[in-house]
C-alpha atoms as a PDB file:
ATOM      1  CA  MET A   1      27.157-175.313-153.392  1.00  0.00           C
ATOM      2  CA  ALA A   2      26.789-175.804-149.653  1.00  0.00           C
ATOM      3  CA  VAL A   3      25.662-174.186-146.423  1.00  0.00           C
ATOM      4  CA  VAL A   4      27.870-174.995-143.435  1.00  0.00           C
ATOM      5  CA  VAL A   5      26.294-174.479-140.014  1.00  0.00           C
ATOM      6  CA  THR A   6      28.166-174.435-136.718  1.00  0.00           C
ATOM      7  CA  GLY A   7      26.716-173.588-133.328  1.00  0.00           C
ATOM      8  CA  GLU A   8      27.806-172.704-129.839  1.00  0.00           C
ATOM      9  CA  ALA A   9      25.217-173.478-127.176  1.00  0.00           C
ATOM     10  CA  THR A  10      27.154-171.730-124.434  1.00  0.00           C
ATOM     11  CA  THR A  11      26.768-168.377-126.210  1.00  0.00           C
ATOM     12  CA  ALA A  12      23.632-169.088-128.279  1.00  0.00           C
ATOM     13  CA  VAL A  13      25.475-168.003-131.438  1.00  0.00           C
ATOM     14  CA  VAL A  14      25.116-169.855-134.753  1.00  0.00           C
ATOM     15  CA  GLU A  15      27.325-169.296-137.789  1.00  0.00           C
ATOM     16  CA  MET A  16      26.074-170.066-141.289  1.00  0.00           C
ATOM     17  CA  THR A  17      28.674-170.021-144.072  1.00  0.00           C
ATOM     18  CA  ALA A  18      27.583-169.952-147.712  1.00  0.00           C
ATOM     19  CA  HIS A  19      29.778-171.673-150.321  1.00  0.00           C
ATOM     20  CA  GLY A  20      29.079-171.598-154.047  1.00  0.00           C
ATOM     21  CA  GLN A  21      27.400-169.624-156.792  1.00  0.00           C
ATOM     22  CA  TRP A  22      24.240-167.702-156.033  1.00  0.00           C
ATOM     23  CA  SER A  23      21.039-169.125-157.512  1.00  0.00           C
ATOM     24  CA  GLN A  24      17.396-169.518-156.570  1.00  0.00           C
ATOM     25  CA  HIS A  25      18.060-173.128-155.621  1.00  0.00           C
ATOM     26  CA  PHE A  26      20.891-172.016-153.349  1.00  0.00           C
ATOM     27  CA  GLY A  27      18.518-169.546-151.682  1.00  0.00           C
ATOM     28  CA  GLU A  28      15.994-172.327-151.050  1.00  0.00           C
ATOM     29  CA  GLN A  29      18.687-174.494-149.503  1.00  0.00           C
ATOM     30  CA  PHE A  30      19.866-171.656-147.284  1.00  0.00           C
ATOM     31  CA  SER A  31      16.296-170.810-146.225  1.00  0.00           C
ATOM     32  CA  ALA A  32      15.742-174.379-145.019  1.00  0.00           C
ATOM     33  CA  GLY A  33      18.827-174.152-142.817  1.00  0.00           C
ATOM     34  CA  LEU A  34      17.851-170.726-141.545  1.00  0.00           C
ATOM     35  CA  ARG A  35      14.379-171.927-140.521  1.00  0.00           C
ATOM     36  CA  LEU A  36      15.937-174.682-138.432  1.00  0.00           C
ATOM     37  CA  CYS A  37      18.355-172.236-136.805  1.00  0.00           C
ATOM     38  CA  LEU A  38      15.503-169.855-135.964  1.00  0.00           C
ATOM     39  CA  ALA A  39      13.614-172.721-134.304  1.00  0.00           C
ATOM     40  CA  GLY A  40      16.563-173.536-132.063  1.00  0.00           C
ATOM     41  CA  PRO A  41      18.395-171.798-129.209  1.00  0.00           C
ATOM     42  CA  SER A  42      19.863-169.037-131.364  1.00  0.00           C
ATOM     43  CA  ALA A  43      20.107-165.532-129.938  1.00  0.00           C
ATOM     44  CA  SER A  44      22.359-164.399-132.789  1.00  0.00           C
ATOM     45  CA  ILE A  45      23.227-165.719-136.246  1.00  0.00           C
ATOM     46  CA  ILE A  46      26.349-164.758-138.175  1.00  0.00           C
ATOM     47  CA  ILE A  47      25.932-165.238-141.929  1.00  0.00           C
ATOM     48  CA  ASP A  48      29.348-165.463-143.570  1.00  0.00           C
ATOM     49  CA  LEU A  49      29.214-164.637-147.291  1.00  0.00           C
ATOM     50  CA  HIS A  50      32.945-164.546-148.031  1.00  0.00           C
ATOM     51  CA  HIS A  51      32.663-167.688-150.148  1.00  0.00           C
ATOM     52  CA  LEU A  52      29.460-166.772-151.989  1.00  0.00           C
ATOM     53  CA  ASP A  53      29.937-166.234-155.728  1.00  0.00           C
ATOM     54  CA  ASP A  54      27.708-163.245-156.496  1.00  0.00           C
ATOM     55  CA  PRO A  55      29.815-160.552-158.219  1.00  0.00           C
ATOM     56  CA  ARG A  56      26.786-158.423-159.183  1.00  0.00           C
ATOM     57  CA  GLY A  57      25.129-158.542-155.765  1.00  0.00           C
ATOM     58  CA  LEU A  58      21.940-160.089-157.143  1.00  0.00           C
ATOM     59  CA  SER A  59      21.256-161.928-153.875  1.00  0.00           C
ATOM     60  CA  MET A  60      20.893-158.712-151.865  1.00  0.00           C
ATOM     61  CA  PRO A  61      17.024-158.823-151.691  1.00  0.00           C
ATOM     62  CA  PHE A  62      17.218-162.403-150.431  1.00  0.00           C
ATOM     63  CA  TRP A  63      19.579-161.518-147.579  1.00  0.00           C
ATOM     64  CA  MET A  64      17.497-158.517-146.597  1.00  0.00           C
ATOM     65  CA  ALA A  65      14.407-160.728-146.486  1.00  0.00           C
ATOM     66  CA  ALA A  66      16.240-163.301-144.342  1.00  0.00           C
ATOM     67  CA  TRP A  67      17.351-160.546-141.958  1.00  0.00           C
ATOM     68  CA  ARG A  68      13.782-159.238-141.652  1.00  0.00           C
ATOM     69  CA  GLN A  69      12.454-162.771-141.147  1.00  0.00           C
ATOM     70  CA  ALA A  70      14.749-163.218-138.157  1.00  0.00           C
ATOM     71  CA  ARG A  71      13.888-159.807-136.690  1.00  0.00           C
ATOM     72  CA  LEU A  72      10.132-160.405-136.995  1.00  0.00           C
ATOM     73  CA  ALA A  73      10.124-164.027-135.821  1.00  0.00           C
ATOM     74  CA  PRO A  74       8.042-164.918-132.728  1.00  0.00           C
ATOM     75  CA  SER A  75      11.385-165.188-130.920  1.00  0.00           C
ATOM     76  CA  PRO A  76      13.447-162.481-132.667  1.00  0.00           C
ATOM     77  CA  VAL A  77      17.038-163.362-133.536  1.00  0.00           C
ATOM     78  CA  ARG A  78      19.819-160.910-134.317  1.00  0.00           C
ATOM     79  CA  VAL A  79      21.386-161.565-137.721  1.00  0.00           C
ATOM     80  CA  VAL A  80      24.620-159.971-138.936  1.00  0.00           C
ATOM     81  CA  PHE A  81      26.591-160.488-142.123  1.00  0.00           C
ATOM     82  CA  CYS A  82      30.288-160.943-142.907  1.00  0.00           C
ATOM     83  CA  LEU A  83      31.784-160.218-146.327  1.00  0.00           C
ATOM     84  CA  PRO A  84      34.571-158.178-147.902  1.00  0.00           C
ATOM     85  CA  GLY A  85      33.889-154.444-147.876  1.00  0.00           C
ATOM     86  CA  MET A  86      34.657-153.784-151.548  1.00  0.00           C
ATOM     87  CA  THR A  87      32.198-156.262-153.078  1.00  0.00           C
ATOM     88  CA  THR A  88      29.000-155.125-154.764  1.00  0.00           C
ATOM     89  CA  LEU A  89      26.904-157.203-152.384  1.00  0.00           C
ATOM     90  CA  SER A  90      28.593-155.648-149.354  1.00  0.00           C
ATOM     91  CA  GLN A  91      27.986-152.138-150.651  1.00  0.00           C
ATOM     92  CA  ARG A  92      24.334-152.891-151.389  1.00  0.00           C
ATOM     93  CA  LEU A  93      23.745-154.306-147.914  1.00  0.00           C
ATOM     94  CA  ARG A  94      25.577-151.469-146.189  1.00  0.00           C
ATOM     95  CA  ASN A  95      23.684-148.813-148.157  1.00  0.00           C
ATOM     96  CA  ALA A  96      20.190-150.321-148.090  1.00  0.00           C
ATOM     97  CA  GLU A  97      17.421-147.812-147.458  1.00  0.00           C
ATOM     98  CA  GLY A  98      15.899-147.576-144.007  1.00  0.00           C
ATOM     99  CA  THR A  99      16.876-149.862-141.180  1.00  0.00           C
ATOM    100  CA  ARG A 100      19.576-152.240-142.379  1.00  0.00           C
ATOM    101  CA  PRO A 101      21.661-155.108-140.977  1.00  0.00           C
ATOM    102  CA  GLN A 102      25.134-154.829-139.560  1.00  0.00           C
ATOM    103  CA  VAL A 103      27.879-155.932-141.918  1.00  0.00           C
ATOM    104  CA  PHE A 104      31.357-156.918-140.689  1.00  0.00           C
ATOM    105  CA  ALA A 105      34.501-157.505-142.693  1.00  0.00           C
ATOM    106  CA  THR A 106      35.368-160.739-140.858  1.00  0.00           C
ATOM    107  CA  ALA A 107      33.693-163.369-138.704  1.00  0.00           C
ATOM    108  CA  PRO A 108      35.954-162.651-135.697  1.00  0.00           C
ATOM    109  CA  GLU A 109      34.813-159.013-135.745  1.00  0.00           C
ATOM    110  CA  ALA A 110      31.193-160.159-135.749  1.00  0.00           C
ATOM    111  CA  ARG A 111      31.812-162.580-132.870  1.00  0.00           C
ATOM    112  CA  ILE A 112      33.348-159.845-130.734  1.00  0.00           C
ATOM    113  CA  ALA A 113      30.467-157.448-131.427  1.00  0.00           C
ATOM    114  CA  ILE A 114      27.851-160.075-130.619  1.00  0.00           C
ATOM    115  CA  ALA A 115      29.599-161.230-127.444  1.00  0.00           C
ATOM    116  CA  ALA A 116      29.575-157.649-126.174  1.00  0.00           C
ATOM    117  CA  ARG A 117      25.779-157.477-126.473  1.00  0.00           C
ATOM    118  CA  ASN A 118      24.682-160.955-125.448  1.00  0.00           C
ATOM    119  CA  SER A 119      22.786-161.116-122.177  1.00  0.00           C
ATOM    120  CA  HIS A 120      23.102-163.999-119.739  1.00  0.00           C
ATOM    121  CA  ALA A 121      19.945-163.039-117.821  1.00  0.00           C
ATOM    122  CA  ASP A 122      17.821-165.757-119.464  1.00  0.00           C
ATOM    123  CA  ARG A 123      20.423-168.493-119.696  1.00  0.00           C
ATOM    124  CA  LEU A 124      21.438-171.122-117.133  1.00  0.00           C
ATOM    125  CA  GLN A 125      24.319-173.525-117.657  1.00  0.00           C
ATOM    126  CA  ALA A 126      26.110-176.401-115.999  1.00  0.00           C
ATOM    127  CA  ARG A 127      29.281-178.181-117.085  1.00  0.00           C
ATOM    128  CA  LEU A 128      29.036-181.880-116.206  1.00  0.00           C
ATOM    129  CA  SER A 129      31.196-184.969-116.332  1.00  0.00           C
ATOM    130  CA  PRO A 130      30.233-188.059-118.376  1.00  0.00           C
ATOM    131  CA  ARG A 131      28.949-189.989-115.363  1.00  0.00           C
ATOM    132  CA  PRO A 132      25.442-191.436-114.980  1.00  0.00           C
ATOM    133  CA  ASP A 133      24.846-189.555-111.729  1.00  0.00           C
ATOM    134  CA  CYS A 134      25.345-186.246-113.584  1.00  0.00           C
ATOM    135  CA  VAL A 135      22.095-186.808-115.496  1.00  0.00           C
ATOM    136  CA  ARG A 136      20.320-185.875-112.268  1.00  0.00           C
ATOM    137  CA  HIS A 137      22.078-182.494-112.299  1.00  0.00           C
ATOM    138  CA  ALA A 138      20.719-181.856-115.798  1.00  0.00           C
ATOM    139  CA  ARG A 139      17.183-182.513-114.536  1.00  0.00           C
ATOM    140  CA  GLU A 140      17.773-180.224-111.573  1.00  0.00           C
ATOM    141  CA  LEU A 141      18.898-177.433-113.893  1.00  0.00           C
ATOM    142  CA  ALA A 142      15.707-177.886-115.931  1.00  0.00           C
ATOM    143  CA  ASP A 143      13.607-177.725-112.758  1.00  0.00           C
ATOM    144  CA  HIS A 144      15.417-174.589-111.626  1.00  0.00           C
ATOM    145  CA  ALA A 145      14.907-172.908-115.008  1.00  0.00           C
ATOM    146  CA  CYS A 146      11.175-173.630-115.106  1.00  0.00           C
ATOM    147  CA  HIS A 147      10.681-172.344-111.575  1.00  0.00           C
ATOM    148  CA  ALA A 148      12.888-169.269-112.045  1.00  0.00           C
ATOM    149  CA  TRP A 149      11.151-168.299-115.263  1.00  0.00           C
ATOM    150  CA  ARG A 150       7.652-169.219-114.029  1.00  0.00           C
ATOM    151  CA  LEU A 151       7.041-171.922-116.617  1.00  0.00           C
ATOM    152  CA  PRO A 152       5.524-174.705-114.486  1.00  0.00           C
ATOM    153  CA  HIS A 153       3.586-176.118-117.439  1.00  0.00           C
ATOM    154  CA  LEU A 154       6.891-176.994-119.133  1.00  0.00           C
ATOM    155  CA  LEU A 155       8.509-178.541-116.077  1.00  0.00           C
ATOM    156  CA  HIS A 156       7.805-182.209-116.816  1.00  0.00           C
ATOM    157  CA  ASP A 157       8.715-182.123-120.506  1.00  0.00           C
ATOM    158  CA  THR A 158      11.796-179.979-119.950  1.00  0.00           C
ATOM    159  CA  SER A 159      13.113-182.303-117.250  1.00  0.00           C
ATOM    160  CA  LEU A 160      12.487-185.347-119.446  1.00  0.00           C
ATOM    161  CA  ILE A 161      14.249-183.856-122.459  1.00  0.00           C
ATOM    162  CA  ALA A 162      17.190-182.643-120.371  1.00  0.00           C
ATOM    163  CA  SER A 163      17.516-186.129-118.911  1.00  0.00           C
ATOM    164  CA  GLU A 164      17.419-187.831-122.307  1.00  0.00           C
ATOM    165  CA  LEU A 165      19.939-185.491-123.933  1.00  0.00           C
ATOM    166  CA  ALA A 166      22.288-185.712-120.965  1.00  0.00           C
ATOM    167  CA  SER A 167      21.991-189.506-120.947  1.00  0.00           C
ATOM    168  CA  ASN A 168      22.941-189.611-124.622  1.00  0.00           C
ATOM    169  CA  ALA A 169      25.992-187.452-123.909  1.00  0.00           C
ATOM    170  CA  VAL A 170      27.069-189.748-121.079  1.00  0.00           C
ATOM    171  CA  GLN A 171      26.488-193.012-122.941  1.00  0.00           C
ATOM    172  CA  HIS A 172      27.616-192.137-126.461  1.00  0.00           C
ATOM    173  CA  ALA A 173      29.870-189.067-126.323  1.00  0.00           C
ATOM    174  CA  GLY A 174      31.874-189.930-123.222  1.00  0.00           C
ATOM    175  CA  THR A 175      33.191-186.362-122.849  1.00  0.00           C
ATOM    176  CA  ASP A 176      32.458-183.506-120.492  1.00  0.00           C
ATOM    177  CA  PHE A 177      29.294-181.766-121.626  1.00  0.00           C
ATOM    178  CA  VAL A 178      27.510-178.470-121.049  1.00  0.00           C
ATOM    179  CA  VAL A 179      23.767-178.306-120.405  1.00  0.00           C
ATOM    180  CA  THR A 180      22.181-174.965-121.270  1.00  0.00           C
ATOM    181  CA  MET A 181      18.663-173.777-120.492  1.00  0.00           C
ATOM    182  CA  SER A 182      17.651-170.579-122.229  1.00  0.00           C
ATOM    183  CA  ARG A 183      14.462-168.579-122.511  1.00  0.00           C
ATOM    184  CA  HIS A 184      13.769-166.632-125.664  1.00  0.00           C
ATOM    185  CA  ALA A 185      10.428-164.822-125.811  1.00  0.00           C
ATOM    186  CA  THR A 186       7.805-167.583-125.442  1.00  0.00           C
ATOM    187  CA  ARG A 187      10.212-170.469-126.000  1.00  0.00           C
ATOM    188  CA  LEU A 188      12.323-172.557-123.664  1.00  0.00           C
ATOM    189  CA  HIS A 189      15.397-174.192-125.174  1.00  0.00           C
ATOM    190  CA  VAL A 190      17.364-177.153-123.858  1.00  0.00           C
ATOM    191  CA  ALA A 191      20.812-177.730-125.346  1.00  0.00           C
ATOM    192  CA  VAL A 192      23.523-180.257-124.566  1.00  0.00           C
ATOM    193  CA  GLN A 193      26.954-179.666-126.069  1.00  0.00           C
ATOM    194  CA  ASP A 194      29.624-182.379-125.939  1.00  0.00           C
ATOM    195  CA  GLY A 195      33.033-183.064-127.416  1.00  0.00           C
ATOM    196  CA  ALA A 196      32.087-185.895-129.794  1.00  0.00           C
ATOM    197  CA  PRO A 197      31.536-184.918-133.445  1.00  0.00           C
ATOM    198  CA  GLU A 198      29.351-187.937-134.338  1.00  0.00           C
ATOM    199  CA  PHE A 199      25.690-187.042-134.766  1.00  0.00           C
ATOM    200  CA  PRO A 200      23.076-189.147-132.940  1.00  0.00           C
ATOM    201  CA  ARG A 201      20.779-191.142-135.189  1.00  0.00           C
ATOM    202  CA  PRO A 202      17.384-192.031-133.738  1.00  0.00           C
ATOM    203  CA  HIS A 203      15.880-195.210-135.118  1.00  0.00           C
ATOM    204  CA  ARG A 204      12.776-194.698-137.260  1.00  0.00           C
ATOM    205  CA  PRO A 205      11.986-191.134-136.091  1.00  0.00           C
ATOM    206  CA  GLU A 206       8.579-191.219-137.724  1.00  0.00           C
ATOM    207  CA  VAL A 207       7.446-193.805-135.155  1.00  0.00           C
ATOM    208  CA  VAL A 208       6.987-192.577-131.611  1.00  0.00           C
ATOM    209  CA  SER A 209       4.898-195.386-130.129  1.00  0.00           C
ATOM    210  CA  PRO A 210       4.684-197.933-128.665  1.00  0.00           C
ATOM    211  CA  PRO A 211       7.986-197.220-126.905  1.00  0.00           C
ATOM    212  CA  ALA A 212       8.365-200.821-125.761  1.00  0.00           C
ATOM    213  CA  THR A 213       9.158-201.890-129.339  1.00  0.00           C
ATOM    214  CA  LEU A 214      12.017-199.425-129.815  1.00  0.00           C
ATOM    215  CA  ASP A 215      15.747-200.054-129.581  1.00  0.00           C
ATOM    216  CA  PRO A 216      16.885-198.420-126.321  1.00  0.00           C
ATOM    217  CA  ARG A 217      19.808-196.748-128.118  1.00  0.00           C
ATOM    218  CA  GLY A 218      17.430-194.631-130.201  1.00  0.00           C
ATOM    219  CA  ARG A 219      14.573-194.330-127.733  1.00  0.00           C
ATOM    220  CA  GLY A 220      15.755-191.115-126.053  1.00  0.00           C
ATOM    221  CA  LEU A 221      15.768-189.037-129.216  1.00  0.00           C
ATOM    222  CA  LEU A 222      12.423-190.476-130.273  1.00  0.00           C
ATOM    223  CA  LEU A 223      10.987-189.181-127.008  1.00  0.00           C
ATOM    224  CA  VAL A 224      12.527-185.799-127.715  1.00  0.00           C
ATOM    225  CA  HIS A 225      11.061-185.926-131.226  1.00  0.00           C
ATOM    226  CA  ALA A 226       7.618-186.655-129.794  1.00  0.00           C
ATOM    227  CA  ILE A 227       7.681-184.010-127.055  1.00  0.00           C
ATOM    228  CA  ALA A 228       9.580-181.025-128.423  1.00  0.00           C
ATOM    229  CA  ALA A 229       8.146-178.354-130.695  1.00  0.00           C
ATOM    230  CA  ALA A 230      11.421-178.603-132.636  1.00  0.00           C
ATOM    231  CA  TRP A 231      14.811-180.240-132.173  1.00  0.00           C
ATOM    232  CA  GLY A 232      18.043-180.612-134.061  1.00  0.00           C
ATOM    233  CA  VAL A 233      21.772-181.249-134.067  1.00  0.00           C
ATOM    234  CA  MET A 234      24.573-179.040-135.327  1.00  0.00           C
ATOM    235  CA  PRO A 235      28.343-179.252-135.259  1.00  0.00           C
ATOM    236  CA  THR A 236      30.446-177.063-132.988  1.00  0.00           C
ATOM    237  CA  ARG A 237      34.151-176.367-132.954  1.00  0.00           C
ATOM    238  CA  GLY A 238      35.288-179.646-131.480  1.00  0.00           C
ATOM    239  CA  GLY A 239      32.004-181.492-131.034  1.00  0.00           C
ATOM    240  CA  LYS A 240      28.278-181.042-131.465  1.00  0.00           C
ATOM    241  CA  VAL A 241      25.214-179.570-129.775  1.00  0.00           C
ATOM    242  CA  VAL A 242      21.831-181.316-129.581  1.00  0.00           C
ATOM    243  CA  TRP A 243      18.962-178.972-128.819  1.00  0.00           C
ATOM    244  CA  ALA A 244      15.220-179.036-128.288  1.00  0.00           C
ATOM    245  CA  THR A 245      12.621-176.274-128.083  1.00  0.00           C
ATOM    246  CA  LEU A 246       9.478-176.282-125.963  1.00  0.00           C
ATOM    247  CA  THR A 247       6.577-173.841-126.126  1.00  0.00           C
END
């Protein structure tokens, strides 16, 4: 029983794949992952149910509730489902009364449909090299985003978080990285995607002060932890993305 999450900061699409037999405990585990995805820079979420063992479609009310939760969130997120067309669960989702979610036979079909609708109007990006001087470009992108979107009250914190996440990518990932600023309703998201699969591990995240006592290697993420409304890490195809949300 597992929930596998992969993200793509450059498109703001997250994929959640369910593996195992349906149960209430599985639903609780999935809900925890979904809440984190909804807090992050997700414009769309693809929920892949091909590997969910639910021959009678008993989980259908849960998936409908998750879909509604995303639609009614303070920053609404589009959720679509992927599963074989002949299963009971697929038929129940496709034939639900009233407004219902989109259901695709495969994940590639869902990706194509989402890509066709995604807007780039509220997203700024820069691809940078793993050099210390490129951290400045990450700060400049944060400044530009806050000015363009008229969010001066977030300028300082956004610049600081962008700097810290970019610094981590330079120091620890050592690969080219993409910095993405995105606005979603009342939230501003900062995401840094690099080519290193290892997750960062801040030291003692429950302690945020005094900073002078902290190991410099973990200090950046502790600052992010202290400043951001939410933050997290998720794997991508070929690396990872570290994100933070400000409100």
